[in-house]
């Protein structure tokens, strides 16, 4: 997408990281569906860095983490509408329980 000033923007940015534990001091608040506060996630530092870099024109579509695996999806605020957003994860470590291996998935529909 042409930003009008010679710059360009992407409608979606997907970031997938293995070994995403950074251990920094950043603690973004998390709340559950009832508004209650949840413990901070280890990937908050990574999320905070991307939000700072992308600026106000991007929003978080979804964030998913299992162990040290992190999947972040950002959307341009002025891009096409997104809907039917789904996420899934599979632990494939020891006994298919431990998240030291596995996969993360985000599915969404764009437009319409």
Foldseek 3Di string as FASTA:
>chain_A
DQPVPRDDDDFKDKDKDAQQQPPDPDFDWDADPVRHTDGGDSNRVVVVVVCVVVDDQKDWPDWDDADRIIMTMIGGNPFFDKDPKDKDWWQDPDVRPHNNDTDIDIDIDGHD
